[in-house]
Amino acid sequence: MYLDFFKFKKNPFHITPDPDFLFLSPSHQDAYTSIFWGIQQRKGLVAVTGEVGVGKTTILRSYLEGADPERIRTVYIFHAALSFGKLMKQIVSQLGIPAVDKGLPDIIDRVFLYLADEYKNDRRVVLIIDEAQNLPVETLERFRMLSNRETSQEKLLQVILVGQPEFENKLNLPELRQLKQQIAISTRIKTLTPDESLAYIQHRLMIASSFYNPVFTKAALKRIIKEANGVPRIINVLCDNALITAFGYQRKPVDLKIIEEVIKDLRGGPPEPSFNWRIVWVPILVVFCGLVVVASVTLLKTKEIPPVRKGISSAKVLKIAPVPALVEEPEVKPPVGSAPKAGPEPLIPEAPATGSGKSVSEMVPPASASSTGVVRSQPGCQAK
């Protein structure tokens, strides 16, 4: 799809193991050497373990690509969750031994005869079991019989057990301790370091294009390496999807934005809504903050006195002086022999229009008592 756009001769990041793109880190080189040396020297049992996607199958296929089919007979078991009987039938079927319809004892005898005959003709029989962690414990325990067949110096059957780290735990079981002791070579493929991951990507790009081709930016490569965490299979998936996405956008080199989009798609998650709410809530937030500021300023201001209405603007405000306390006035007596001065006419209420029979003294109200308890005399009402 994108080969012409990026000027590739072949897909550089296909997830199918391809021996043409074999990249040997130190641990990959160690695994390859262990397989090659174990078979060449007839060591018998070789165990290769590693995490998912680190390249165990690629190492196996690379070895088989270079092996001479005339000198090496290979049996490859892909599905290891088999009973011992079914495993033996798989072996005779791939080796072409006419014993599939026979009973298990007869099948085992025919396999041993076949191994002895191949050894006489200087040919090696190699049994490769992938995903060995799925082998039942009973199958592994009985499988030890095949690996025990040997000459005085060499093993008749070479066995390569390839599995995930769980296979190492299974070999530590007490019932499999004898099988573990018979493993001549054991190696583990490690994940790539950041520098090895970068070299891995550049190695595959060079093989695919045969010249320096700056397909990814530095930031994009750094993000791929961080996300893959040293697993070659994840590197292939990320790079392949990034190249497809960049081809769709007709953009090169592949930048960080495309890598982030690919990572987000691969991780999965709920789809984003088609409507961008950020366009709405940002102005709303600004308006809300403005209203809060205005309300705060208004509440902090001193309340103003409302203006006086026009109808009473000219009215005078009268202040009422407090009433002084009532103090009894001293009685002033005229000097002896002098006639009293004429004073104001005492306030005597008029007699009723009709005779009531009451005297004047009865008509005058009694002196009132103030709140202070001091009696004040009425002026002009002194006794003569």
Foldseek 3Di string as FASTA:
>chain_A
DCCVLQVWQDQLQDLPQDLLLDDDDPQLVVVLCQVVVCQVQQLQAEEEAEAPQQQPVNSVVNVVVPDDVVQEAEQEAEDQLDALLVVLLSVCVSVVNPDNPPDPVVSVVSVLVVLVVSVVVNHAYEYEYEQNLNHDPNNLLVVVVQSPPDDPRHTSHHYYYYHYVSSVVSCPDPSNVVVVVSHPYYGYRYFDDLVSQVVSVQSSVCSGNVDDGCQEDPLLSVVLSVVCVRRSSSSSQLVVQQSVVCVVVSDDNRYNVSSVVSVDVVVDDDDDDPDDCVVPVVVVVVVVVVVVVVVVVVVPDDDDDDDDDPVCPPPDDDDDDDDDDDDEDDDDDDDPPDDDDDDDDDDFDDDDPDDPPDDSVVRDDDFDADPVRDTYDGPPPDDD
